Amino acid sequence: GKGEGGRVVECGSLTIALPPGDYFGQIQLGIRPEHVGLCGVDQGVGNAAILVIERLGSETLVYLDADGHALVARVPGLADLVVGDLVGVKVDRRRLHCFDASGGRLA
């Protein structure tokens, strides 16, 4: 994504507030599937299309496309979702991993 004013990053259809610090230019943003959640359309940090649903019994992995940016959400149980549907995305800001364009850790 690209840092905007040092406080948010635009990742395709997602606009994610960053932890305290100054971030400018190209930023690589990492977040583990267990720190990504799903919600209603337009109720999170943006929307994404469901590409693949992997039902594993006690949890479901949901592979998402956020306007060209790949993301995976891990949700509990057997989620009632449909490939192709649009969902809202929420993230745990405290669990973001930020890197500069060369891969150096920022936060």
PDB file of N, CA and C in Angstrom:
ATOM      1  N   GLY A   1       0.819  -1.187   0.000  1.00  0.00           N
ATOM      2  CA  GLY A   1       0.000   0.000   0.000  1.00  0.00           C
ATOM      3  C   GLY A   1       0.853   1.236   0.000  1.00  0.00           C
ATOM      4  N   LYS A   2       0.199   2.361   0.047  1.00  0.00           N
ATOM      5  CA  LYS A   2       0.907   3.642   0.029  1.00  0.00           C
ATOM      6  C   LYS A   2       0.487   4.446   1.246  1.00  0.00           C
ATOM      7  N   GLY A   3       1.459   4.953   1.996  1.00  0.00           N
ATOM      8  CA  GLY A   3       1.185   5.771   3.176  1.00  0.00           C
ATOM      9  C   GLY A   3       0.606   7.113   2.780  1.00  0.00           C
ATOM     10  N   GLU A   4      -0.435   7.512   3.454  1.00  0.00           N
ATOM     11  CA  GLU A   4      -1.098   8.792   3.199  1.00  0.00           C
ATOM     12  C   GLU A   4      -0.988   9.648   4.451  1.00  0.00           C
ATOM     13  N   GLY A   5      -0.142  10.651   4.410  1.00  0.00           N
ATOM     14  CA  GLY A   5      -0.033  11.555   5.553  1.00  0.00           C
ATOM     15  C   GLY A   5       0.540  10.908   6.795  1.00  0.00           C
ATOM     16  N   GLY A   6       1.122   9.745   6.666  1.00  0.00           N
ATOM     17  CA  GLY A   6       1.783   9.100   7.786  1.00  0.00           C
ATOM     18  C   GLY A   6       0.874   8.396   8.763  1.00  0.00           C
ATOM     19  N   ARG A   7      -0.437   8.354   8.551  1.00  0.00           N
ATOM     20  CA  ARG A   7      -1.343   7.757   9.531  1.00  0.00           C
ATOM     21  C   ARG A   7      -2.220   6.631   8.993  1.00  0.00           C
ATOM     22  N   VAL A   8      -2.405   6.565   7.694  1.00  0.00           N
ATOM     23  CA  VAL A   8      -3.196   5.497   7.099  1.00  0.00           C
ATOM     24  C   VAL A   8      -2.474   4.962   5.871  1.00  0.00           C
ATOM     25  N   VAL A   9      -2.834   3.744   5.487  1.00  0.00           N
ATOM     26  CA  VAL A   9      -2.291   3.157   4.273  1.00  0.00           C
ATOM     27  C   VAL A   9      -3.458   2.681   3.416  1.00  0.00           C
ATOM     28  N   GLU A  10      -3.360   2.937   2.134  1.00  0.00           N
ATOM     29  CA  GLU A  10      -4.366   2.486   1.168  1.00  0.00           C
ATOM     30  C   GLU A  10      -3.881   1.177   0.562  1.00  0.00           C
ATOM     31  N   CYS A  11      -4.651   0.121   0.731  1.00  0.00           N
ATOM     32  CA  CYS A  11      -4.338  -1.203   0.175  1.00  0.00           C
ATOM     33  C   CYS A  11      -5.519  -1.633  -0.686  1.00  0.00           C
ATOM     34  N   GLY A  12      -5.490  -1.272  -1.953  1.00  0.00           N
ATOM     35  CA  GLY A  12      -6.628  -1.593  -2.814  1.00  0.00           C
ATOM     36  C   GLY A  12      -7.873  -0.923  -2.287  1.00  0.00           C
ATOM     37  N   SER A  13      -8.884  -1.722  -1.975  1.00  0.00           N
ATOM     38  CA  SER A  13     -10.149  -1.179  -1.485  1.00  0.00           C
ATOM     39  C   SER A  13     -10.153  -0.968   0.031  1.00  0.00           C
ATOM     40  N   LEU A  14      -9.036  -1.237   0.695  1.00  0.00           N
ATOM     41  CA  LEU A  14      -8.961  -1.086   2.144  1.00  0.00           C
ATOM     42  C   LEU A  14      -8.203   0.188   2.524  1.00  0.00           C
ATOM     43  N   THR A  15      -8.687   0.870   3.548  1.00  0.00           N
ATOM     44  CA  THR A  15      -8.000   2.017   4.130  1.00  0.00           C
ATOM     45  C   THR A  15      -7.767   1.681   5.594  1.00  0.00           C
ATOM     46  N   ILE A  16      -6.490   1.444   5.937  1.00  0.00           N
ATOM     47  CA  ILE A  16      -6.160   0.935   7.260  1.00  0.00           C
ATOM     48  C   ILE A  16      -5.374   1.977   8.041  1.00  0.00           C
ATOM     49  N   ALA A  17      -5.884   2.324   9.231  1.00  0.00           N
ATOM     50  CA  ALA A  17      -5.176   3.236  10.129  1.00  0.00           C
ATOM     51  C   ALA A  17      -3.969   2.500  10.693  1.00  0.00           C
ATOM     52  N   LEU A  18      -2.837   3.183  10.704  1.00  0.00           N
ATOM     53  CA  LEU A  18      -1.591   2.583  11.169  1.00  0.00           C
ATOM     54  C   LEU A  18      -1.357   2.856  12.641  1.00  0.00           C
ATOM     55  N   PRO A  19      -0.531   2.016  13.283  1.00  0.00           N
ATOM     56  CA  PRO A  19      -0.139   2.309  14.657  1.00  0.00           C
ATOM     57  C   PRO A  19       0.619   3.633  14.705  1.00  0.00           C
ATOM     58  N   PRO A  20       0.776   4.238  15.875  1.00  0.00           N
ATOM     59  CA  PRO A  20       1.503   5.509  15.975  1.00  0.00           C
ATOM     60  C   PRO A  20       2.877   5.437  15.309  1.00  0.00           C
ATOM     61  N   GLY A  21       3.242   6.491  14.622  1.00  0.00           N
ATOM     62  CA  GLY A  21       4.510   6.570  13.906  1.00  0.00           C
ATOM     63  C   GLY A  21       4.294   7.341  12.618  1.00  0.00           C
ATOM     64  N   ASP A  22       5.361   7.634  11.914  1.00  0.00           N
ATOM     65  CA  ASP A  22       5.255   8.337  10.645  1.00  0.00           C
ATOM     66  C   ASP A  22       5.627   7.392   9.516  1.00  0.00           C
ATOM     67  N   TYR A  23       4.727   7.211   8.574  1.00  0.00           N
ATOM     68  CA  TYR A  23       4.917   6.308   7.453  1.00  0.00           C
ATOM     69  C   TYR A  23       4.598   7.061   6.168  1.00  0.00           C
ATOM     70  N   PHE A  24       5.531   7.058   5.228  1.00  0.00           N
ATOM     71  CA  PHE A  24       5.306   7.735   3.962  1.00  0.00           C
ATOM     72  C   PHE A  24       5.824   6.857   2.840  1.00  0.00           C
ATOM     73  N   GLY A  25       5.238   6.983   1.672  1.00  0.00           N
ATOM     74  CA  GLY A  25       5.690   6.218   0.513  1.00  0.00           C
ATOM     75  C   GLY A  25       5.158   4.806   0.520  1.00  0.00           C
ATOM     76  N   GLN A  26       5.865   3.939  -0.204  1.00  0.00           N
ATOM     77  CA  GLN A  26       5.426   2.544  -0.319  1.00  0.00           C
ATOM     78  C   GLN A  26       5.625   1.803   0.998  1.00  0.00           C
ATOM     79  N   ILE A  27       4.589   1.112   1.432  1.00  0.00           N
ATOM     80  CA  ILE A  27       4.616   0.357   2.675  1.00  0.00           C
ATOM     81  C   ILE A  27       4.111  -1.051   2.384  1.00  0.00           C
ATOM     82  N   GLN A  28       4.829  -2.040   2.898  1.00  0.00           N
ATOM     83  CA  GLN A  28       4.340  -3.415   2.845  1.00  0.00           C
ATOM     84  C   GLN A  28       3.661  -3.671   4.183  1.00  0.00           C
ATOM     85  N   LEU A  29       2.419  -4.089   4.116  1.00  0.00           N
ATOM     86  CA  LEU A  29       1.635  -4.301   5.326  1.00  0.00           C
ATOM     87  C   LEU A  29       1.331  -5.786   5.445  1.00  0.00           C
ATOM     88  N   GLY A  30       1.689  -6.361   6.573  1.00  0.00           N
ATOM     89  CA  GLY A  30       1.417  -7.771   6.819  1.00  0.00           C
ATOM     90  C   GLY A  30       0.477  -7.928   7.995  1.00  0.00           C
ATOM     91  N   ILE A  31      -0.432  -8.879   7.871  1.00  0.00           N
ATOM     92  CA  ILE A  31      -1.334  -9.186   8.977  1.00  0.00           C
ATOM     93  C   ILE A  31      -1.713 -10.657   8.879  1.00  0.00           C
ATOM     94  N   ARG A  32      -1.654 -11.340   9.985  1.00  0.00           N
ATOM     95  CA  ARG A  32      -1.941 -12.777  10.012  1.00  0.00           C
ATOM     96  C   ARG A  32      -3.447 -13.014   9.894  1.00  0.00           C
ATOM     97  N   PRO A  33      -3.832 -14.156   9.311  1.00  0.00           N
ATOM     98  CA  PRO A  33      -5.258 -14.452   9.118  1.00  0.00           C
ATOM     99  C   PRO A  33      -6.088 -14.383  10.398  1.00  0.00           C
ATOM    100  N   GLU A  34      -5.517 -14.740  11.537  1.00  0.00           N
ATOM    101  CA  GLU A  34      -6.285 -14.701  12.784  1.00  0.00           C
ATOM    102  C   GLU A  34      -6.563 -13.288  13.271  1.00  0.00           C
ATOM    103  N   HIS A  35      -5.934 -12.294  12.633  1.00  0.00           N
ATOM    104  CA  HIS A  35      -6.163 -10.903  13.001  1.00  0.00           C
ATOM    105  C   HIS A  35      -6.997 -10.152  11.961  1.00  0.00           C
ATOM    106  N   VAL A  36      -7.585 -10.919  11.041  1.00  0.00           N
ATOM    107  CA  VAL A  36      -8.483 -10.367  10.020  1.00  0.00           C
ATOM    108  C   VAL A  36      -9.871 -10.932  10.292  1.00  0.00           C
ATOM    109  N   GLY A  37     -10.868 -10.077  10.324  1.00  0.00           N
ATOM    110  CA  GLY A  37     -12.243 -10.519  10.539  1.00  0.00           C
ATOM    111  C   GLY A  37     -13.134 -10.057   9.403  1.00  0.00           C
ATOM    112  N   LEU A  38     -14.317 -10.623   9.351  1.00  0.00           N
ATOM    113  CA  LEU A  38     -15.298 -10.253   8.340  1.00  0.00           C
ATOM    114  C   LEU A  38     -16.473  -9.568   9.018  1.00  0.00           C
ATOM    115  N   CYS A  39     -17.101  -8.654   8.298  1.00  0.00           N
ATOM    116  CA  CYS A  39     -18.262  -7.934   8.812  1.00  0.00           C
ATOM    117  C   CYS A  39     -19.150  -7.563   7.627  1.00  0.00           C
ATOM    118  N   GLY A  40     -20.169  -6.807   7.876  1.00  0.00           N
ATOM    119  CA  GLY A  40     -21.060  -6.370   6.813  1.00  0.00           C
ATOM    120  C   GLY A  40     -20.353  -5.420   5.852  1.00  0.00           C
ATOM    121  N   VAL A  41     -20.826  -5.380   4.626  1.00  0.00           N
ATOM    122  CA  VAL A  41     -20.268  -4.485   3.613  1.00  0.00           C
ATOM    123  C   VAL A  41     -20.312  -3.046   4.132  1.00  0.00           C
ATOM    124  N   ASP A  42     -19.227  -2.317   3.912  1.00  0.00           N
ATOM    125  CA  ASP A  42     -19.076  -0.916   4.315  1.00  0.00           C
ATOM    126  C   ASP A  42     -19.075  -0.710   5.827  1.00  0.00           C
ATOM    127  N   GLN A  43     -18.767  -1.745   6.600  1.00  0.00           N
ATOM    128  CA  GLN A  43     -18.738  -1.604   8.060  1.00  0.00           C
ATOM    129  C   GLN A  43     -17.344  -1.777   8.654  1.00  0.00           C
ATOM    130  N   GLY A  44     -16.341  -2.023   7.835  1.00  0.00           N
ATOM    131  CA  GLY A  44     -14.985  -2.214   8.349  1.00  0.00           C
ATOM    132  C   GLY A  44     -14.029  -1.218   7.719  1.00  0.00           C
ATOM    133  N   VAL A  45     -12.817  -1.688   7.423  1.00  0.00           N
ATOM    134  CA  VAL A  45     -11.796  -0.839   6.812  1.00  0.00           C
ATOM    135  C   VAL A  45     -11.907  -0.830   5.291  1.00  0.00           C
ATOM    136  N   GLY A  46     -12.860  -1.550   4.768  1.00  0.00           N
ATOM    137  CA  GLY A  46     -13.104  -1.644   3.332  1.00  0.00           C
ATOM    138  C   GLY A  46     -13.810  -2.945   3.007  1.00  0.00           C
ATOM    139  N   ASN A  47     -13.965  -3.203   1.727  1.00  0.00           N
ATOM    140  CA  ASN A  47     -14.664  -4.402   1.276  1.00  0.00           C
ATOM    141  C   ASN A  47     -13.749  -5.255   0.414  1.00  0.00           C
ATOM    142  N   ALA A  48     -14.043  -6.559   0.367  1.00  0.00           N
ATOM    143  CA  ALA A  48     -13.256  -7.482  -0.442  1.00  0.00           C
ATOM    144  C   ALA A  48     -14.173  -8.577  -0.971  1.00  0.00           C
ATOM    145  N   ALA A  49     -13.783  -9.151  -2.093  1.00  0.00           N
ATOM    146  CA  ALA A  49     -14.530 -10.250  -2.691  1.00  0.00           C
ATOM    147  C   ALA A  49     -13.966 -11.586  -2.200  1.00  0.00           C
ATOM    148  N   ILE A  50     -14.848 -12.524  -1.932  1.00  0.00           N
ATOM    149  CA  ILE A  50     -14.424 -13.862  -1.506  1.00  0.00           C
ATOM    150  C   ILE A  50     -13.978 -14.646  -2.735  1.00  0.00           C
ATOM    151  N   LEU A  51     -12.728 -15.135  -2.700  1.00  0.00           N
ATOM    152  CA  LEU A  51     -12.185 -15.921  -3.807  1.00  0.00           C
ATOM    153  C   LEU A  51     -12.275 -17.421  -3.538  1.00  0.00           C
ATOM    154  N   VAL A  52     -11.905 -17.831  -2.330  1.00  0.00           N
ATOM    155  CA  VAL A  52     -11.861 -19.252  -1.961  1.00  0.00           C
ATOM    156  C   VAL A  52     -12.305 -19.378  -0.513  1.00  0.00           C
ATOM    157  N   ILE A  53     -13.050 -20.440  -0.221  1.00  0.00           N
ATOM    158  CA  ILE A  53     -13.459 -20.744   1.145  1.00  0.00           C
ATOM    159  C   ILE A  53     -12.916 -22.133   1.474  1.00  0.00           C
ATOM    160  N   GLU A  54     -12.093 -22.205   2.525  1.00  0.00           N
ATOM    161  CA  GLU A  54     -11.493 -23.473   2.935  1.00  0.00           C
ATOM    162  C   GLU A  54     -12.045 -23.833   4.317  1.00  0.00           C
ATOM    163  N   ARG A  55     -13.048 -24.708   4.340  1.00  0.00           N
ATOM    164  CA  ARG A  55     -13.688 -25.107   5.596  1.00  0.00           C
ATOM    165  C   ARG A  55     -12.875 -26.231   6.224  1.00  0.00           C
ATOM    166  N   LEU A  56     -12.363 -25.978   7.431  1.00  0.00           N
ATOM    167  CA  LEU A  56     -11.477 -26.922   8.095  1.00  0.00           C
ATOM    168  C   LEU A  56     -12.101 -27.552   9.328  1.00  0.00           C
ATOM    169  N   GLY A  57     -13.372 -27.362   9.543  1.00  0.00           N
ATOM    170  CA  GLY A  57     -14.057 -27.921  10.700  1.00  0.00           C
ATOM    171  C   GLY A  57     -14.177 -26.904  11.809  1.00  0.00           C
ATOM    172  N   SER A  58     -13.137 -26.769  12.625  1.00  0.00           N
ATOM    173  CA  SER A  58     -13.198 -25.841  13.751  1.00  0.00           C
ATOM    174  C   SER A  58     -12.986 -24.394  13.322  1.00  0.00           C
ATOM    175  N   GLU A  59     -12.514 -24.194  12.100  1.00  0.00           N
ATOM    176  CA  GLU A  59     -12.307 -22.850  11.569  1.00  0.00           C
ATOM    177  C   GLU A  59     -12.439 -22.871  10.052  1.00  0.00           C
ATOM    178  N   THR A  60     -12.570 -21.686   9.494  1.00  0.00           N
ATOM    179  CA  THR A  60     -12.664 -21.524   8.043  1.00  0.00           C
ATOM    180  C   THR A  60     -11.671 -20.458   7.613  1.00  0.00           C
ATOM    181  N   LEU A  61     -10.883 -20.776   6.584  1.00  0.00           N
ATOM    182  CA  LEU A  61     -10.000 -19.784   5.982  1.00  0.00           C
ATOM    183  C   LEU A  61     -10.714 -19.197   4.779  1.00  0.00           C
ATOM    184  N   VAL A  62     -10.757 -17.873   4.715  1.00  0.00           N
ATOM    185  CA  VAL A  62     -11.447 -17.175   3.640  1.00  0.00           C
ATOM    186  C   VAL A  62     -10.415 -16.333   2.893  1.00  0.00           C
ATOM    187  N   TYR A  63     -10.183 -16.679   1.629  1.00  0.00           N
ATOM    188  CA  TYR A  63      -9.220 -15.964   0.792  1.00  0.00           C
ATOM    189  C   TYR A  63      -9.953 -14.839   0.074  1.00  0.00           C
ATOM    190  N   LEU A  64      -9.413 -13.631   0.195  1.00  0.00           N
ATOM    191  CA  LEU A  64     -10.103 -12.432  -0.265  1.00  0.00           C
ATOM    192  C   LEU A  64      -9.279 -11.655  -1.283  1.00  0.00           C
ATOM    193  N   ASP A  65      -9.982 -10.908  -2.122  1.00  0.00           N
ATOM    194  CA  ASP A  65      -9.361  -9.967  -3.050  1.00  0.00           C
ATOM    195  C   ASP A  65      -9.887  -8.577  -2.716  1.00  0.00           C
ATOM    196  N   ALA A  66      -8.992  -7.741  -2.210  1.00  0.00           N
ATOM    197  CA  ALA A  66      -9.355  -6.365  -1.863  1.00  0.00           C
ATOM    198  C   ALA A  66      -8.873  -5.451  -2.982  1.00  0.00           C
ATOM    199  N   ASP A  67      -9.528  -5.542  -4.112  1.00  0.00           N
ATOM    200  CA  ASP A  67      -9.203  -4.718  -5.279  1.00  0.00           C
ATOM    201  C   ASP A  67      -7.738  -4.884  -5.684  1.00  0.00           C
ATOM    202  N   GLY A  68      -7.332  -6.152  -5.843  1.00  0.00           N
ATOM    203  CA  GLY A  68      -5.976  -6.459  -6.282  1.00  0.00           C
ATOM    204  C   GLY A  68      -5.006  -6.799  -5.168  1.00  0.00           C
ATOM    205  N   HIS A  69      -5.424  -6.693  -3.925  1.00  0.00           N
ATOM    206  CA  HIS A  69      -4.574  -7.035  -2.790  1.00  0.00           C
ATOM    207  C   HIS A  69      -5.127  -8.291  -2.121  1.00  0.00           C
ATOM    208  N   ALA A  70      -4.271  -9.307  -1.994  1.00  0.00           N
ATOM    209  CA  ALA A  70      -4.680 -10.581  -1.404  1.00  0.00           C
ATOM    210  C   ALA A  70      -4.698 -10.482   0.117  1.00  0.00           C
ATOM    211  N   LEU A  71      -5.668 -11.173   0.708  1.00  0.00           N
ATOM    212  CA  LEU A  71      -5.849 -11.155   2.153  1.00  0.00           C
ATOM    213  C   LEU A  71      -6.519 -12.460   2.545  1.00  0.00           C
ATOM    214  N   VAL A  72      -6.175 -12.993   3.716  1.00  0.00           N
ATOM    215  CA  VAL A  72      -6.800 -14.210   4.218  1.00  0.00           C
ATOM    216  C   VAL A  72      -7.366 -13.921   5.598  1.00  0.00           C
ATOM    217  N   ALA A  73      -8.607 -14.342   5.821  1.00  0.00           N
ATOM    218  CA  ALA A  73      -9.242 -14.217   7.135  1.00  0.00           C
ATOM    219  C   ALA A  73      -9.461 -15.613   7.706  1.00  0.00           C
ATOM    220  N   ARG A  74      -9.190 -15.775   8.988  1.00  0.00           N
ATOM    221  CA  ARG A  74      -9.476 -17.037   9.669  1.00  0.00           C
ATOM    222  C   ARG A  74     -10.638 -16.780  10.616  1.00  0.00           C
ATOM    223  N   VAL A  75     -11.768 -17.440  10.337  1.00  0.00           N
ATOM    224  CA  VAL A  75     -12.968 -17.244  11.141  1.00  0.00           C
ATOM    225  C   VAL A  75     -13.343 -18.563  11.812  1.00  0.00           C
ATOM    226  N   PRO A  76     -13.972 -18.503  12.980  1.00  0.00           N
ATOM    227  CA  PRO A  76     -14.307 -19.724  13.709  1.00  0.00           C
ATOM    228  C   PRO A  76     -15.417 -20.524  13.038  1.00  0.00           C
ATOM    229  N   GLY A  77     -15.366 -21.823  13.220  1.00  0.00           N
ATOM    230  CA  GLY A  77     -16.427 -22.719  12.778  1.00  0.00           C
ATOM    231  C   GLY A  77     -16.551 -22.845  11.275  1.00  0.00           C
ATOM    232  N   LEU A  78     -17.720 -23.297  10.849  1.00  0.00           N
ATOM    233  CA  LEU A  78     -18.032 -23.478   9.434  1.00  0.00           C
ATOM    234  C   LEU A  78     -18.816 -22.263   8.965  1.00  0.00           C
ATOM    235  N   ALA A  79     -18.117 -21.255   8.505  1.00  0.00           N
ATOM    236  CA  ALA A  79     -18.737 -19.989   8.112  1.00  0.00           C
ATOM    237  C   ALA A  79     -19.682 -20.187   6.933  1.00  0.00           C
ATOM    238  N   ASP A  80     -20.827 -19.529   6.992  1.00  0.00           N
ATOM    239  CA  ASP A  80     -21.832 -19.581   5.935  1.00  0.00           C
ATOM    240  C   ASP A  80     -21.545 -18.458   4.937  1.00  0.00           C
ATOM    241  N   LEU A  81     -20.616 -18.723   4.022  1.00  0.00           N
ATOM    242  CA  LEU A  81     -20.177 -17.730   3.049  1.00  0.00           C
ATOM    243  C   LEU A  81     -20.273 -18.313   1.651  1.00  0.00           C
ATOM    244  N   VAL A  82     -20.247 -17.440   0.632  1.00  0.00           N
ATOM    245  CA  VAL A  82     -20.357 -17.868  -0.761  1.00  0.00           C
ATOM    246  C   VAL A  82     -19.249 -17.210  -1.580  1.00  0.00           C
ATOM    247  N   VAL A  83     -18.545 -18.017  -2.372  1.00  0.00           N
ATOM    248  CA  VAL A  83     -17.515 -17.491  -3.260  1.00  0.00           C
ATOM    249  C   VAL A  83     -18.141 -16.440  -4.181  1.00  0.00           C
ATOM    250  N   GLY A  84     -17.451 -15.319  -4.335  1.00  0.00           N
ATOM    251  CA  GLY A  84     -17.942 -14.236  -5.180  1.00  0.00           C
ATOM    252  C   GLY A  84     -18.646 -13.135  -4.412  1.00  0.00           C
ATOM    253  N   ASP A  85     -19.107 -13.432  -3.196  1.00  0.00           N
ATOM    254  CA  ASP A  85     -19.782 -12.413  -2.385  1.00  0.00           C
ATOM    255  C   ASP A  85     -18.795 -11.333  -1.958  1.00  0.00           C
ATOM    256  N   LEU A  86     -19.308 -10.143  -1.728  1.00  0.00           N
ATOM    257  CA  LEU A  86     -18.553  -9.026  -1.207  1.00  0.00           C
ATOM    258  C   LEU A  86     -18.781  -8.970   0.295  1.00  0.00           C
ATOM    259  N   VAL A  87     -17.711  -8.816   1.072  1.00  0.00           N
ATOM    260  CA  VAL A  87     -17.818  -8.739   2.526  1.00  0.00           C
ATOM    261  C   VAL A  87     -17.013  -7.548   3.023  1.00  0.00           C
ATOM    262  N   GLY A  88     -17.368  -7.065   4.194  1.00  0.00           N
ATOM    263  CA  GLY A  88     -16.572  -6.044   4.854  1.00  0.00           C
ATOM    264  C   GLY A  88     -15.398  -6.712   5.553  1.00  0.00           C
ATOM    265  N   VAL A  89     -14.311  -5.977   5.686  1.00  0.00           N
ATOM    266  CA  VAL A  89     -13.098  -6.495   6.311  1.00  0.00           C
ATOM    267  C   VAL A  89     -12.763  -5.631   7.527  1.00  0.00           C
ATOM    268  N   LYS A  90     -12.419  -6.285   8.622  1.00  0.00           N
ATOM    269  CA  LYS A  90     -11.921  -5.571   9.794  1.00  0.00           C
ATOM    270  C   LYS A  90     -10.575  -6.187  10.170  1.00  0.00           C
ATOM    271  N   VAL A  91      -9.700  -5.366  10.727  1.00  0.00           N
ATOM    272  CA  VAL A  91      -8.376  -5.836  11.114  1.00  0.00           C
ATOM    273  C   VAL A  91      -8.070  -5.388  12.535  1.00  0.00           C
ATOM    274  N   ASP A  92      -7.236  -6.147  13.208  1.00  0.00           N
ATOM    275  CA  ASP A  92      -6.766  -5.774  14.534  1.00  0.00           C
ATOM    276  C   ASP A  92      -5.532  -4.891  14.335  1.00  0.00           C
ATOM    277  N   ARG A  93      -5.706  -3.596  14.459  1.00  0.00           N
ATOM    278  CA  ARG A  93      -4.619  -2.630  14.221  1.00  0.00           C
ATOM    279  C   ARG A  93      -3.394  -2.890  15.087  1.00  0.00           C
ATOM    280  N   ARG A  94      -3.618  -3.458  16.257  1.00  0.00           N
ATOM    281  CA  ARG A  94      -2.501  -3.716  17.170  1.00  0.00           C
ATOM    282  C   ARG A  94      -1.603  -4.835  16.659  1.00  0.00           C
ATOM    283  N   ARG A  95      -2.074  -5.583  15.673  1.00  0.00           N
ATOM    284  CA  ARG A  95      -1.332  -6.746  15.166  1.00  0.00           C
ATOM    285  C   ARG A  95      -0.771  -6.547  13.769  1.00  0.00           C
ATOM    286  N   LEU A  96      -0.712  -5.310  13.292  1.00  0.00           N
ATOM    287  CA  LEU A  96      -0.174  -5.032  11.963  1.00  0.00           C
ATOM    288  C   LEU A  96       1.345  -5.125  11.973  1.00  0.00           C
ATOM    289  N   HIS A  97       1.909  -5.564  10.867  1.00  0.00           N
ATOM    290  CA  HIS A  97       3.351  -5.617  10.678  1.00  0.00           C
ATOM    291  C   HIS A  97       3.671  -4.727   9.476  1.00  0.00           C
ATOM    292  N   CYS A  98       4.412  -3.647   9.715  1.00  0.00           N
ATOM    293  CA  CYS A  98       4.695  -2.663   8.663  1.00  0.00           C
ATOM    294  C   CYS A  98       6.172  -2.747   8.249  1.00  0.00           C
ATOM    295  N   PHE A  99       6.389  -2.711   6.928  1.00  0.00           N
ATOM    296  CA  PHE A  99       7.737  -2.780   6.374  1.00  0.00           C
ATOM    297  C   PHE A  99       7.892  -1.701   5.306  1.00  0.00           C
ATOM    298  N   ASP A 100       9.104  -1.204   5.142  1.00  0.00           N
ATOM    299  CA  ASP A 100       9.353  -0.242   4.059  1.00  0.00           C
ATOM    300  C   ASP A 100       9.487  -1.004   2.745  1.00  0.00           C
ATOM    301  N   ALA A 101       9.700  -0.270   1.662  1.00  0.00           N
ATOM    302  CA  ALA A 101       9.748  -0.884   0.331  1.00  0.00           C
ATOM    303  C   ALA A 101      10.869  -1.906   0.202  1.00  0.00           C
ATOM    304  N   SER A 102      11.951  -1.771   0.987  1.00  0.00           N
ATOM    305  CA  SER A 102      13.057  -2.722   0.908  1.00  0.00           C
ATOM    306  C   SER A 102      12.882  -3.914   1.843  1.00  0.00           C
ATOM    307  N   GLY A 103      11.775  -3.938   2.618  1.00  0.00           N
ATOM    308  CA  GLY A 103      11.502  -5.054   3.516  1.00  0.00           C
ATOM    309  C   GLY A 103      11.948  -4.817   4.952  1.00  0.00           C
ATOM    310  N   GLY A 104      12.470  -3.634   5.238  1.00  0.00           N
ATOM    311  CA  GLY A 104      12.871  -3.306   6.618  1.00  0.00           C
ATOM    312  C   GLY A 104      11.668  -3.042   7.490  1.00  0.00           C
ATOM    313  N   ARG A 105      11.687  -3.579   8.707  1.00  0.00           N
ATOM    314  CA  ARG A 105      10.550  -3.440   9.622  1.00  0.00           C
ATOM    315  C   ARG A 105      10.392  -2.002  10.086  1.00  0.00           C
ATOM    316  N   LEU A 106       9.151  -1.499  10.050  1.00  0.00           N
ATOM    317  CA  LEU A 106       8.837  -0.143  10.493  1.00  0.00           C
ATOM    318  C   LEU A 106       8.175  -0.118  11.867  1.00  0.00           C
ATOM    319  N   ALA A 107       7.330  -1.093  12.144  1.00  0.00           N
ATOM    320  CA  ALA A 107       6.605  -1.085  13.435  1.00  0.00           C
ATOM    321  C   ALA A 107       6.469  -2.482  13.960  1.00  0.00           C
TER     322      ALA A 107
END
